[in-house]
PDB file of N, CA and C in Angstrom:
ATOM      1  N   MET A   1     -12.134  -8.199 -17.915  1.00  0.00           N
ATOM      2  CA  MET A   1     -11.305  -8.546 -16.836  1.00  0.00           C
ATOM      3  C   MET A   1     -10.068  -6.808 -16.958  1.00  0.00           C
ATOM      4  N   LEU A   2      -9.869  -6.411 -15.890  1.00  0.00           N
ATOM      5  CA  LEU A   2      -9.523  -5.310 -15.946  1.00  0.00           C
ATOM      6  C   LEU A   2      -7.370  -5.107 -16.547  1.00  0.00           C
ATOM      7  N   PHE A   3      -6.918  -6.429 -16.528  1.00  0.00           N
ATOM      8  CA  PHE A   3      -5.328  -6.558 -16.072  1.00  0.00           C
ATOM      9  C   PHE A   3      -4.980  -7.231 -16.984  1.00  0.00           C
ATOM     10  N   LYS A   4      -5.730  -7.708 -18.290  1.00  0.00           N
ATOM     11  CA  LYS A   4      -5.694  -8.793 -19.061  1.00  0.00           C
ATOM     12  C   LYS A   4      -4.519  -8.871 -19.946  1.00  0.00           C
ATOM     13  N   ASN A   5      -3.666  -8.842 -20.377  1.00  0.00           N
ATOM     14  CA  ASN A   5      -2.605  -8.359 -21.785  1.00  0.00           C
ATOM     15  C   ASN A   5      -1.672  -7.330 -21.112  1.00  0.00           C
ATOM     16  N   CYS A   6      -1.342  -7.172 -19.891  1.00  0.00           N
ATOM     17  CA  CYS A   6      -1.262  -6.660 -19.035  1.00  0.00           C
ATOM     18  C   CYS A   6       1.378  -7.116 -18.774  1.00  0.00           C
ATOM     19  N   SER A   7       1.884  -6.392 -18.550  1.00  0.00           N
ATOM     20  CA  SER A   7       3.044  -6.535 -17.942  1.00  0.00           C
ATOM     21  C   SER A   7       3.039  -6.841 -16.212  1.00  0.00           C
ATOM     22  N   THR A   8       3.393  -7.091 -16.102  1.00  0.00           N
ATOM     23  CA  THR A   8       4.154  -7.114 -14.631  1.00  0.00           C
ATOM     24  C   THR A   8       4.143  -6.128 -13.848  1.00  0.00           C
ATOM     25  N   TYR A   9       5.114  -5.344 -13.970  1.00  0.00           N
ATOM     26  CA  TYR A   9       4.559  -3.384 -13.954  1.00  0.00           C
ATOM     27  C   TYR A   9       3.252  -3.114 -14.229  1.00  0.00           C
ATOM     28  N   LYS A  10       2.553  -2.868 -15.688  1.00  0.00           N
ATOM     29  CA  LYS A  10       1.577  -2.174 -15.345  1.00  0.00           C
ATOM     30  C   LYS A  10       0.792  -2.282 -15.235  1.00  0.00           C
ATOM     31  N   THR A  11       0.547  -4.122 -14.636  1.00  0.00           N
ATOM     32  CA  THR A  11       0.069  -4.320 -13.738  1.00  0.00           C
ATOM     33  C   THR A  11      -0.921  -4.397 -12.232  1.00  0.00           C
ATOM     34  N   GLY A  12       0.919  -4.202 -11.817  1.00  0.00           N
ATOM     35  CA  GLY A  12       0.618  -3.627 -10.487  1.00  0.00           C
ATOM     36  C   GLY A  12       0.447  -2.409 -10.331  1.00  0.00           C
ATOM     37  N   LEU A  13       0.553  -0.762 -11.611  1.00  0.00           N
ATOM     38  CA  LEU A  13       0.394   0.419 -11.595  1.00  0.00           C
ATOM     39  C   LEU A  13      -1.068   0.314 -11.768  1.00  0.00           C
ATOM     40  N   ARG A  14      -1.620  -0.554 -12.690  1.00  0.00           N
ATOM     41  CA  ARG A  14      -3.391  -0.665 -12.630  1.00  0.00           C
ATOM     42  C   ARG A  14      -4.514  -0.885 -11.360  1.00  0.00           C
ATOM     43  N   ALA A  15      -2.545  -2.197 -10.688  1.00  0.00           N
ATOM     44  CA  ALA A  15      -3.769  -2.377  -8.989  1.00  0.00           C
ATOM     45  C   ALA A  15      -3.662  -1.001  -8.466  1.00  0.00           C
ATOM     46  N   GLU A  16      -2.363   0.076  -8.046  1.00  0.00           N
ATOM     47  CA  GLU A  16      -2.276   1.324  -7.248  1.00  0.00           C
ATOM     48  C   GLU A  16      -3.156   1.778  -7.856  1.00  0.00           C
ATOM     49  N   PHE A  17      -3.676   2.437  -8.507  1.00  0.00           N
ATOM     50  CA  PHE A  17      -4.307   3.285  -9.128  1.00  0.00           C
ATOM     51  C   PHE A  17      -6.235   2.844  -9.067  1.00  0.00           C
ATOM     52  N   TRP A  18      -6.135   1.466  -8.705  1.00  0.00           N
ATOM     53  CA  TRP A  18      -7.767   0.462  -8.670  1.00  0.00           C
ATOM     54  C   TRP A  18      -8.279   1.689  -6.906  1.00  0.00           C
ATOM     55  N   ALA A  19      -7.423   0.583  -6.260  1.00  0.00           N
ATOM     56  CA  ALA A  19      -6.667   1.009  -4.957  1.00  0.00           C
ATOM     57  C   ALA A  19      -6.665   2.233  -4.515  1.00  0.00           C
ATOM     58  N   ARG A  20      -5.994   3.424  -4.941  1.00  0.00           N
ATOM     59  CA  ARG A  20      -6.383   4.688  -4.415  1.00  0.00           C
ATOM     60  C   ARG A  20      -7.421   5.336  -4.963  1.00  0.00           C
ATOM     61  N   MET A  21      -9.052   5.612  -6.657  1.00  0.00           N
ATOM     62  CA  MET A  21      -9.327   5.567  -6.164  1.00  0.00           C
ATOM     63  C   MET A  21     -10.505   4.755  -4.885  1.00  0.00           C
ATOM     64  N   TYR A  22     -10.218   4.148  -5.196  1.00  0.00           N
ATOM     65  CA  TYR A  22     -11.305   2.782  -3.428  1.00  0.00           C
ATOM     66  C   TYR A  22     -10.946   3.807  -2.424  1.00  0.00           C
ATOM     67  N   LEU A  23      -9.366   3.972  -2.234  1.00  0.00           N
ATOM     68  CA  LEU A  23      -9.779   4.588  -0.807  1.00  0.00           C
ATOM     69  C   LEU A  23     -10.247   6.523  -0.681  1.00  0.00           C
ATOM     70  N   ARG A  24     -10.307   6.276  -1.928  1.00  0.00           N
ATOM     71  CA  ARG A  24     -10.740   7.997  -1.906  1.00  0.00           C
ATOM     72  C   ARG A  24     -12.124   8.023  -2.321  1.00  0.00           C
ATOM     73  N   ILE A  25     -13.001   6.871  -2.346  1.00  0.00           N
ATOM     74  CA  ILE A  25     -14.274   6.979  -2.352  1.00  0.00           C
ATOM     75  C   ILE A  25     -14.666   6.748  -0.944  1.00  0.00           C
ATOM     76  N   HIS A  26     -13.865   6.861   0.105  1.00  0.00           N
ATOM     77  CA  HIS A  26     -14.177   6.223   1.263  1.00  0.00           C
ATOM     78  C   HIS A  26     -13.502   7.386   2.292  1.00  0.00           C
ATOM     79  N   GLY A  27     -13.502   8.152   1.915  1.00  0.00           N
ATOM     80  CA  GLY A  27     -12.665   9.457   1.982  1.00  0.00           C
ATOM     81  C   GLY A  27     -11.188  10.245   2.936  1.00  0.00           C
ATOM     82  N   PHE A  28     -10.619   9.185   2.119  1.00  0.00           N
ATOM     83  CA  PHE A  28      -9.285   9.342   1.814  1.00  0.00           C
ATOM     84  C   PHE A  28      -8.529  10.039   1.264  1.00  0.00           C
ATOM     85  N   ARG A  29      -7.719  11.343   1.517  1.00  0.00           N
ATOM     86  CA  ARG A  29      -6.302  11.606   0.639  1.00  0.00           C
ATOM     87  C   ARG A  29      -5.619  11.233   0.481  1.00  0.00           C
ATOM     88  N   ILE A  30      -4.915  10.881  -0.778  1.00  0.00           N
ATOM     89  CA  ILE A  30      -3.468  10.056  -0.840  1.00  0.00           C
ATOM     90  C   ILE A  30      -2.660  11.629  -0.945  1.00  0.00           C
ATOM     91  N   LEU A  31      -1.653  11.227  -0.183  1.00  0.00           N
ATOM     92  CA  LEU A  31      -0.075  12.653   0.707  1.00  0.00           C
ATOM     93  C   LEU A  31       0.423  11.760  -1.321  1.00  0.00           C
ATOM     94  N   LYS A  32       0.796  10.585  -0.843  1.00  0.00           N
ATOM     95  CA  LYS A  32       2.887   9.537  -1.692  1.00  0.00           C
ATOM     96  C   LYS A  32       1.864   8.701  -2.187  1.00  0.00           C
ATOM     97  N   THR A  33       2.287   8.005  -3.639  1.00  0.00           N
ATOM     98  CA  THR A  33       2.757   7.310  -3.923  1.00  0.00           C
ATOM     99  C   THR A  33       3.688   6.619  -3.858  1.00  0.00           C
ATOM    100  N   ARG A  34       4.508   5.498  -3.904  1.00  0.00           N
ATOM    101  CA  ARG A  34       5.102   4.584  -4.353  1.00  0.00           C
ATOM    102  C   ARG A  34       6.079   5.258  -3.843  1.00  0.00           C
ATOM    103  N   TYR A  35       6.272   5.468  -2.307  1.00  0.00           N
ATOM    104  CA  TYR A  35       6.968   6.353  -1.580  1.00  0.00           C
ATOM    105  C   TYR A  35       8.146   5.978  -1.248  1.00  0.00           C
ATOM    106  N   ILE A  36       9.594   6.483  -1.550  1.00  0.00           N
ATOM    107  CA  ILE A  36      10.604   4.903  -0.856  1.00  0.00           C
ATOM    108  C   ILE A  36      11.512   6.069  -0.054  1.00  0.00           C
ATOM    109  N   THR A  37      12.216   5.706   0.714  1.00  0.00           N
ATOM    110  CA  THR A  37      13.287   6.453   1.743  1.00  0.00           C
ATOM    111  C   THR A  37      14.556   6.238   1.533  1.00  0.00           C
ATOM    112  N   GLY A  38      15.478   7.141   0.823  1.00  0.00           N
ATOM    113  CA  GLY A  38      16.713   6.724   0.101  1.00  0.00           C
ATOM    114  C   GLY A  38      16.879   5.683  -0.431  1.00  0.00           C
ATOM    115  N   ARG A  39      17.085   5.868  -1.452  1.00  0.00           N
ATOM    116  CA  ARG A  39      17.479   4.442  -2.328  1.00  0.00           C
ATOM    117  C   ARG A  39      18.656   3.684  -1.826  1.00  0.00           C
ATOM    118  N   HIS A  40      18.950   2.358  -2.217  1.00  0.00           N
ATOM    119  CA  HIS A  40      20.011   1.656  -1.131  1.00  0.00           C
ATOM    120  C   HIS A  40      20.231   1.665  -0.325  1.00  0.00           C
ATOM    121  N   THR A  41      18.826   2.139   0.085  1.00  0.00           N
ATOM    122  CA  THR A  41      19.199   2.121   2.502  1.00  0.00           C
ATOM    123  C   THR A  41      18.327   0.621   2.552  1.00  0.00           C
ATOM    124  N   GLY A  42      18.123  -0.645   1.784  1.00  0.00           N
ATOM    125  CA  GLY A  42      17.305  -1.442   2.204  1.00  0.00           C
ATOM    126  C   GLY A  42      15.857  -1.136   2.290  1.00  0.00           C
ATOM    127  N   ARG A  43      15.691   0.310   3.227  1.00  0.00           N
ATOM    128  CA  ARG A  43      14.014   0.545   3.123  1.00  0.00           C
ATOM    129  C   ARG A  43      13.467   0.012   1.816  1.00  0.00           C
ATOM    130  N   ALA A  44      11.737  -0.137   2.130  1.00  0.00           N
ATOM    131  CA  ALA A  44      10.383  -0.319   1.586  1.00  0.00           C
ATOM    132  C   ALA A  44      10.383   0.252   0.692  1.00  0.00           C
ATOM    133  N   GLU A  45       9.380   0.043  -0.830  1.00  0.00           N
ATOM    134  CA  GLU A  45       8.632   1.105  -1.013  1.00  0.00           C
ATOM    135  C   GLU A  45       7.461   0.713  -0.835  1.00  0.00           C
ATOM    136  N   ILE A  46       6.758   1.966  -0.617  1.00  0.00           N
ATOM    137  CA  ILE A  46       5.212   2.300   0.304  1.00  0.00           C
ATOM    138  C   ILE A  46       4.305   2.777  -1.120  1.00  0.00           C
ATOM    139  N   ASP A  47       3.541   1.665  -1.125  1.00  0.00           N
ATOM    140  CA  ASP A  47       2.972   1.563  -2.490  1.00  0.00           C
ATOM    141  C   ASP A  47       1.304   2.957  -2.778  1.00  0.00           C
ATOM    142  N   ILE A  48       1.006   3.282  -1.464  1.00  0.00           N
ATOM    143  CA  ILE A  48       0.096   4.684  -1.294  1.00  0.00           C
ATOM    144  C   ILE A  48       0.674   4.601   0.595  1.00  0.00           C
ATOM    145  N   ILE A  49       0.614   6.273   1.063  1.00  0.00           N
ATOM    146  CA  ILE A  49       0.285   6.816   1.755  1.00  0.00           C
ATOM    147  C   ILE A  49      -0.955   7.740   1.275  1.00  0.00           C
ATOM    148  N   ALA A  50      -1.479   7.919   2.443  1.00  0.00           N
ATOM    149  CA  ALA A  50      -3.197   7.965   2.117  1.00  0.00           C
ATOM    150  C   ALA A  50      -3.590   9.329   3.887  1.00  0.00           C
ATOM    151  N   ARG A  51      -4.555  10.338   3.953  1.00  0.00           N
ATOM    152  CA  ARG A  51      -4.883  10.492   5.239  1.00  0.00           C
ATOM    153  C   ARG A  51      -5.917  10.602   5.208  1.00  0.00           C
ATOM    154  N   ARG A  52      -6.566  10.487   6.537  1.00  0.00           N
ATOM    155  CA  ARG A  52      -8.256  11.100   6.537  1.00  0.00           C
ATOM    156  C   ARG A  52      -8.642  11.553   8.037  1.00  0.00           C
ATOM    157  N   GLY A  53      -8.683  12.707   8.164  1.00  0.00           N
ATOM    158  CA  GLY A  53      -8.442  13.272   9.237  1.00  0.00           C
ATOM    159  C   GLY A  53      -7.171  13.468   9.799  1.00  0.00           C
ATOM    160  N   ASN A  54      -7.635  12.808  11.065  1.00  0.00           N
ATOM    161  CA  ASN A  54      -6.337  12.182  12.632  1.00  0.00           C
ATOM    162  C   ASN A  54      -5.611  11.354  11.905  1.00  0.00           C
ATOM    163  N   LEU A  55      -5.937  10.444  10.964  1.00  0.00           N
ATOM    164  CA  LEU A  55      -5.040   9.676  10.355  1.00  0.00           C
ATOM    165  C   LEU A  55      -5.090   9.095   9.620  1.00  0.00           C
ATOM    166  N   ILE A  56      -3.555   8.101   9.137  1.00  0.00           N
ATOM    167  CA  ILE A  56      -2.491   8.193   7.759  1.00  0.00           C
ATOM    168  C   ILE A  56      -2.413   7.280   7.967  1.00  0.00           C
ATOM    169  N   ILE A  57      -2.664   6.472   6.844  1.00  0.00           N
ATOM    170  CA  ILE A  57      -2.570   5.074   6.945  1.00  0.00           C
ATOM    171  C   ILE A  57      -0.836   4.690   5.539  1.00  0.00           C
ATOM    172  N   PHE A  58      -0.809   3.386   5.862  1.00  0.00           N
ATOM    173  CA  PHE A  58       0.685   3.481   4.907  1.00  0.00           C
ATOM    174  C   PHE A  58      -0.014   2.142   3.978  1.00  0.00           C
ATOM    175  N   CYS A  59      -0.489   1.823   2.840  1.00  0.00           N
ATOM    176  CA  CYS A  59      -0.595   1.065   2.152  1.00  0.00           C
ATOM    177  C   CYS A  59      -0.687  -0.142   1.150  1.00  0.00           C
ATOM    178  N   GLU A  60      -0.721  -0.981   1.559  1.00  0.00           N
ATOM    179  CA  GLU A  60       0.317  -1.854   0.273  1.00  0.00           C
ATOM    180  C   GLU A  60      -0.351  -2.830  -0.383  1.00  0.00           C
ATOM    181  N   VAL A  61      -0.231  -2.673  -1.175  1.00  0.00           N
ATOM    182  CA  VAL A  61      -1.541  -3.184  -2.962  1.00  0.00           C
ATOM    183  C   VAL A  61      -1.342  -4.575  -3.137  1.00  0.00           C
ATOM    184  N   LYS A  62      -1.645  -5.207  -3.491  1.00  0.00           N
ATOM    185  CA  LYS A  62      -1.344  -6.067  -4.083  1.00  0.00           C
ATOM    186  C   LYS A  62      -1.910  -7.119  -4.782  1.00  0.00           C
ATOM    187  N   TYR A  63      -2.226  -7.611  -6.324  1.00  0.00           N
ATOM    188  CA  TYR A  63      -3.157  -8.021  -7.170  1.00  0.00           C
ATOM    189  C   TYR A  63      -2.148  -9.767  -7.097  1.00  0.00           C
ATOM    190  N   ARG A  64      -3.001 -10.582  -6.814  1.00  0.00           N
ATOM    191  CA  ARG A  64      -2.580 -12.213  -7.239  1.00  0.00           C
ATOM    192  C   ARG A  64      -4.527 -12.194  -7.746  1.00  0.00           C
ATOM    193  N   PRO A  65      -3.920 -13.705  -8.031  1.00  0.00           N
ATOM    194  CA  PRO A  65      -5.380 -14.654  -8.552  1.00  0.00           C
ATOM    195  C   PRO A  65      -6.442 -14.895  -7.837  1.00  0.00           C
ATOM    196  N   THR A  66      -5.690 -15.108  -6.207  1.00  0.00           N
ATOM    197  CA  THR A  66      -6.440 -15.106  -5.011  1.00  0.00           C
ATOM    198  C   THR A  66      -5.759 -14.734  -3.633  1.00  0.00           C
ATOM    199  N   PRO A  67      -6.888 -14.208  -3.184  1.00  0.00           N
ATOM    200  CA  PRO A  67      -6.668 -13.473  -1.500  1.00  0.00           C
ATOM    201  C   PRO A  67      -5.151 -14.071  -0.412  1.00  0.00           C
ATOM    202  N   THR A  68      -5.019 -15.066  -1.371  1.00  0.00           N
ATOM    203  CA  THR A  68      -4.102 -16.489  -0.191  1.00  0.00           C
ATOM    204  C   THR A  68      -2.901 -16.364  -0.622  1.00  0.00           C
ATOM    205  N   ASP A  69      -3.305 -15.833  -2.681  1.00  0.00           N
ATOM    206  CA  ASP A  69      -1.217 -15.489  -2.799  1.00  0.00           C
ATOM    207  C   ASP A  69      -0.836 -14.388  -2.423  1.00  0.00           C
ATOM    208  N   ALA A  70      -2.006 -13.127  -2.286  1.00  0.00           N
ATOM    209  CA  ALA A  70      -1.187 -12.138  -1.859  1.00  0.00           C
ATOM    210  C   ALA A  70      -0.677 -12.403  -0.559  1.00  0.00           C
ATOM    211  N   TRP A  71      -1.770 -12.345   0.400  1.00  0.00           N
ATOM    212  CA  TRP A  71      -0.694 -12.362   1.623  1.00  0.00           C
ATOM    213  C   TRP A  71       1.072 -13.728   1.388  1.00  0.00           C
ATOM    214  N   ASP A  72       0.316 -14.509   0.915  1.00  0.00           N
ATOM    215  CA  ASP A  72       1.847 -15.112   0.397  1.00  0.00           C
ATOM    216  C   ASP A  72       3.013 -14.152   1.207  1.00  0.00           C
ATOM    217  N   ALA A  73       2.857 -13.334  -0.948  1.00  0.00           N
ATOM    218  CA  ALA A  73       3.329 -12.335  -0.787  1.00  0.00           C
ATOM    219  C   ALA A  73       3.869 -11.814  -0.576  1.00  0.00           C
ATOM    220  N   ILE A  74       3.838 -11.530   0.431  1.00  0.00           N
ATOM    221  CA  ILE A  74       3.885 -10.361   1.985  1.00  0.00           C
ATOM    222  C   ILE A  74       4.268 -11.034   3.029  1.00  0.00           C
ATOM    223  N   THR A  75       5.487 -10.827   2.554  1.00  0.00           N
ATOM    224  CA  THR A  75       6.770 -11.294   4.094  1.00  0.00           C
ATOM    225  C   THR A  75       7.238 -10.950   4.810  1.00  0.00           C
ATOM    226  N   VAL A  76       7.611 -11.573   6.004  1.00  0.00           N
ATOM    227  CA  VAL A  76       8.168 -11.151   6.928  1.00  0.00           C
ATOM    228  C   VAL A  76       9.046  -9.585   7.194  1.00  0.00           C
ATOM    229  N   ARG A  77      10.620 -10.154   5.962  1.00  0.00           N
ATOM    230  CA  ARG A  77      11.970  -9.059   5.901  1.00  0.00           C
ATOM    231  C   ARG A  77      10.749  -7.911   4.852  1.00  0.00           C
ATOM    232  N   GLN A  78       9.554  -7.890   3.716  1.00  0.00           N
ATOM    233  CA  GLN A  78       9.320  -6.921   3.272  1.00  0.00           C
ATOM    234  C   GLN A  78       8.255  -6.159   4.463  1.00  0.00           C
ATOM    235  N   ASN A  79       7.899  -6.895   4.726  1.00  0.00           N
ATOM    236  CA  ASN A  79       6.700  -5.720   6.611  1.00  0.00           C
ATOM    237  C   ASN A  79       7.611  -5.494   7.368  1.00  0.00           C
ATOM    238  N   ALA A  80       8.877  -5.924   8.303  1.00  0.00           N
ATOM    239  CA  ALA A  80       9.290  -5.445   9.354  1.00  0.00           C
ATOM    240  C   ALA A  80      10.775  -3.990   7.591  1.00  0.00           C
ATOM    241  N   ARG A  81      10.746  -3.950   6.773  1.00  0.00           N
ATOM    242  CA  ARG A  81      11.116  -2.948   6.170  1.00  0.00           C
ATOM    243  C   ARG A  81       9.579  -1.734   5.336  1.00  0.00           C
ATOM    244  N   LEU A  82       8.786  -2.181   5.768  1.00  0.00           N
ATOM    245  CA  LEU A  82       7.771  -1.177   5.505  1.00  0.00           C
ATOM    246  C   LEU A  82       7.531  -0.044   6.461  1.00  0.00           C
ATOM    247  N   ARG A  83       7.672  -0.747   7.299  1.00  0.00           N
ATOM    248  CA  ARG A  83       7.294  -0.410   9.120  1.00  0.00           C
ATOM    249  C   ARG A  83       8.268   0.504   9.220  1.00  0.00           C
ATOM    250  N   ALA A  84      10.005   0.296   8.177  1.00  0.00           N
ATOM    251  CA  ALA A  84      11.357   1.137   8.457  1.00  0.00           C
ATOM    252  C   ALA A  84      10.727   2.020   7.703  1.00  0.00           C
ATOM    253  N   ALA A  85      10.560   1.957   6.460  1.00  0.00           N
ATOM    254  CA  ALA A  85      10.387   2.526   5.694  1.00  0.00           C
ATOM    255  C   ALA A  85       9.158   4.094   5.887  1.00  0.00           C
ATOM    256  N   ALA A  86       7.949   3.968   6.974  1.00  0.00           N
ATOM    257  CA  ALA A  86       6.934   4.660   7.965  1.00  0.00           C
ATOM    258  C   ALA A  86       6.832   5.154   8.997  1.00  0.00           C
ATOM    259  N   GLU A  87       7.928   4.477   9.486  1.00  0.00           N
ATOM    260  CA  GLU A  87       8.855   5.296  10.551  1.00  0.00           C
ATOM    261  C   GLU A  87       9.246   6.597  10.245  1.00  0.00           C
ATOM    262  N   THR A  88      10.202   5.965   8.923  1.00  0.00           N
ATOM    263  CA  THR A  88      11.519   7.114   8.645  1.00  0.00           C
ATOM    264  C   THR A  88       9.833   8.228   7.765  1.00  0.00           C
ATOM    265  N   TYR A  89       8.636   7.703   7.113  1.00  0.00           N
ATOM    266  CA  TYR A  89       8.345   9.186   6.661  1.00  0.00           C
ATOM    267  C   TYR A  89       7.516   9.818   7.937  1.00  0.00           C
ATOM    268  N   LEU A  90       7.341   9.575   9.260  1.00  0.00           N
ATOM    269  CA  LEU A  90       6.681  10.172   9.868  1.00  0.00           C
ATOM    270  C   LEU A  90       8.280  11.293  10.756  1.00  0.00           C
ATOM    271  N   CYS A  91       8.361  10.252  10.867  1.00  0.00           N
ATOM    272  CA  CYS A  91       9.612  11.237  11.683  1.00  0.00           C
ATOM    273  C   CYS A  91       9.728  12.273  10.425  1.00  0.00           C
ATOM    274  N   ARG A  92       9.947  12.239   8.888  1.00  0.00           N
ATOM    275  CA  ARG A  92       9.864  13.447   8.450  1.00  0.00           C
ATOM    276  C   ARG A  92       8.841  13.873   8.785  1.00  0.00           C
ATOM    277  N   THR A  93       7.665  14.102   8.014  1.00  0.00           N
ATOM    278  CA  THR A  93       6.912  14.624   8.746  1.00  0.00           C
ATOM    279  C   THR A  93       6.655  15.379   9.637  1.00  0.00           C
ATOM    280  N   GLN A  94       6.694  14.733  11.056  1.00  0.00           N
ATOM    281  CA  GLN A  94       6.461  15.279  12.473  1.00  0.00           C
ATOM    282  C   GLN A  94       4.847  15.487  12.621  1.00  0.00           C
ATOM    283  N   TRP A  95       4.625  13.844  11.725  1.00  0.00           N
ATOM    284  CA  TRP A  95       2.751  13.397  11.963  1.00  0.00           C
ATOM    285  C   TRP A  95       2.906  13.175  13.798  1.00  0.00           C
ATOM    286  N   ARG A  96       2.334  13.744  14.472  1.00  0.00           N
ATOM    287  CA  ARG A  96       1.618  13.507  15.759  1.00  0.00           C
ATOM    288  C   ARG A  96       0.004  13.200  15.695  1.00  0.00           C
ATOM    289  N   GLY A  97      -0.924  12.289  14.813  1.00  0.00           N
ATOM    290  CA  GLY A  97      -1.910  11.357  15.110  1.00  0.00           C
ATOM    291  C   GLY A  97      -1.610  10.629  14.605  1.00  0.00           C
ATOM    292  N   ASP A  98      -2.606   9.393  14.661  1.00  0.00           N
ATOM    293  CA  ASP A  98      -2.779   7.815  14.523  1.00  0.00           C
ATOM    294  C   ASP A  98      -2.029   7.101  13.388  1.00  0.00           C
ATOM    295  N   ALA A  99      -1.807   6.433  13.267  1.00  0.00           N
ATOM    296  CA  ALA A  99      -1.278   5.751  11.511  1.00  0.00           C
ATOM    297  C   ALA A  99      -1.415   4.500  12.196  1.00  0.00           C
ATOM    298  N   ARG A 100      -0.737   2.967  10.836  1.00  0.00           N
ATOM    299  CA  ARG A 100      -1.994   1.836  10.356  1.00  0.00           C
ATOM    300  C   ARG A 100      -1.155   1.717   9.214  1.00  0.00           C
ATOM    301  N   PHE A 101      -0.984   0.097   9.090  1.00  0.00           N
ATOM    302  CA  PHE A 101      -1.081  -0.526   8.229  1.00  0.00           C
ATOM    303  C   PHE A 101      -2.011  -1.051   7.453  1.00  0.00           C
ATOM    304  N   ASP A 102      -2.400  -1.055   6.645  1.00  0.00           N
ATOM    305  CA  ASP A 102      -2.922  -1.496   5.518  1.00  0.00           C
ATOM    306  C   ASP A 102      -3.335  -2.506   4.484  1.00  0.00           C
ATOM    307  N   VAL A 103      -4.029  -3.339   3.970  1.00  0.00           N
ATOM    308  CA  VAL A 103      -2.915  -4.130   3.196  1.00  0.00           C
ATOM    309  C   VAL A 103      -4.928  -3.710   1.677  1.00  0.00           C
ATOM    310  N   ILE A 104      -4.986  -3.923   0.279  1.00  0.00           N
ATOM    311  CA  ILE A 104      -6.039  -3.546  -0.456  1.00  0.00           C
ATOM    312  C   ILE A 104      -5.127  -4.932  -1.374  1.00  0.00           C
ATOM    313  N   ILE A 105      -6.466  -5.866  -1.018  1.00  0.00           N
ATOM    314  CA  ILE A 105      -5.970  -7.488  -2.534  1.00  0.00           C
ATOM    315  C   ILE A 105      -6.439  -6.891  -3.352  1.00  0.00           C
ATOM    316  N   ILE A 106      -6.062  -7.296  -4.758  1.00  0.00           N
ATOM    317  CA  ILE A 106      -6.820  -7.069  -5.893  1.00  0.00           C
ATOM    318  C   ILE A 106      -7.117  -8.213  -6.332  1.00  0.00           C
ATOM    319  N   THR A 107      -7.822  -8.438  -6.914  1.00  0.00           N
ATOM    320  CA  THR A 107      -8.244 -10.055  -7.680  1.00  0.00           C
ATOM    321  C   THR A 107      -8.893  -9.716  -9.230  1.00  0.00           C
ATOM    322  N   PRO A 108      -8.759 -10.984  -9.467  1.00  0.00           N
ATOM    323  CA  PRO A 108      -9.831  -9.825 -10.837  1.00  0.00           C
ATOM    324  C   PRO A 108     -11.419  -9.827 -11.311  1.00  0.00           C
ATOM    325  N   ARG A 109     -11.466 -10.762 -10.372  1.00  0.00           N
ATOM    326  CA  ARG A 109     -13.111 -10.223  -9.105  1.00  0.00           C
ATOM    327  C   ARG A 109     -13.424  -9.274  -8.624  1.00  0.00           C
ATOM    328  N   THR A 110     -12.793  -9.123  -7.431  1.00  0.00           N
ATOM    329  CA  THR A 110     -12.314  -8.751  -5.938  1.00  0.00           C
ATOM    330  C   THR A 110     -10.949  -7.072  -5.792  1.00  0.00           C
ATOM    331  N   ILE A 111     -11.935  -6.223  -4.644  1.00  0.00           N
ATOM    332  CA  ILE A 111     -11.018  -5.746  -3.836  1.00  0.00           C
ATOM    333  C   ILE A 111     -11.377  -5.975  -2.449  1.00  0.00           C
ATOM    334  N   GLN A 112     -10.141  -6.042  -1.823  1.00  0.00           N
ATOM    335  CA  GLN A 112     -10.554  -6.567  -0.084  1.00  0.00           C
ATOM    336  C   GLN A 112      -9.857  -5.226   0.123  1.00  0.00           C
ATOM    337  N   TRP A 113     -10.581  -4.923   0.809  1.00  0.00           N
ATOM    338  CA  TRP A 113      -8.936  -3.870   2.097  1.00  0.00           C
ATOM    339  C   TRP A 113      -9.332  -4.484   3.580  1.00  0.00           C
ATOM    340  N   VAL A 114      -7.777  -4.254   3.776  1.00  0.00           N
ATOM    341  CA  VAL A 114      -7.520  -5.308   5.117  1.00  0.00           C
ATOM    342  C   VAL A 114      -6.949  -3.926   6.109  1.00  0.00           C
ATOM    343  N   GLN A 115      -7.630  -4.121   6.864  1.00  0.00           N
ATOM    344  CA  GLN A 115      -7.056  -2.801   7.747  1.00  0.00           C
ATOM    345  C   GLN A 115      -6.553  -3.012   9.086  1.00  0.00           C
ATOM    346  N   ASN A 116      -5.811  -2.187   9.769  1.00  0.00           N
ATOM    347  CA  ASN A 116      -5.002  -2.366  10.405  1.00  0.00           C
ATOM    348  C   ASN A 116      -4.290  -4.288  10.557  1.00  0.00           C
ATOM    349  N   SER A 117      -3.410  -4.504   9.553  1.00  0.00           N
ATOM    350  CA  SER A 117      -3.723  -5.481   8.636  1.00  0.00           C
ATOM    351  C   SER A 117      -1.146  -6.281   9.229  1.00  0.00           C
ATOM    352  N   LEU A 118      -0.681  -4.933   8.901  1.00  0.00           N
ATOM    353  CA  LEU A 118       0.740  -5.960   8.938  1.00  0.00           C
ATOM    354  C   LEU A 118       1.165  -4.873  10.251  1.00  0.00           C
TER     355      LEU A 118
END
């Protein structure tokens, strides 16, 4: 088990590492990790921003015992904050290509990548 005897913070960092490796295997270049738009503004942290060709993805990474637990951890409020942070990133970079939200769910035995999910 890759995440045995880890604090919640370290577990999150390891899950994000494995998610980045997974995206790289699928041809994505990682642009940003743990992207936050302005502290104390109510904006969310985007775990991974990656690009492949004309597509940019904003990826939320969740490590939980089951996929259901991971989905339950993504609240309506968090979803709205992620969208606001993504809009800010797109405006700052003047991105003109396609964009989408993905979720990578990591459980003790699997990695599940759900595209266009938020």
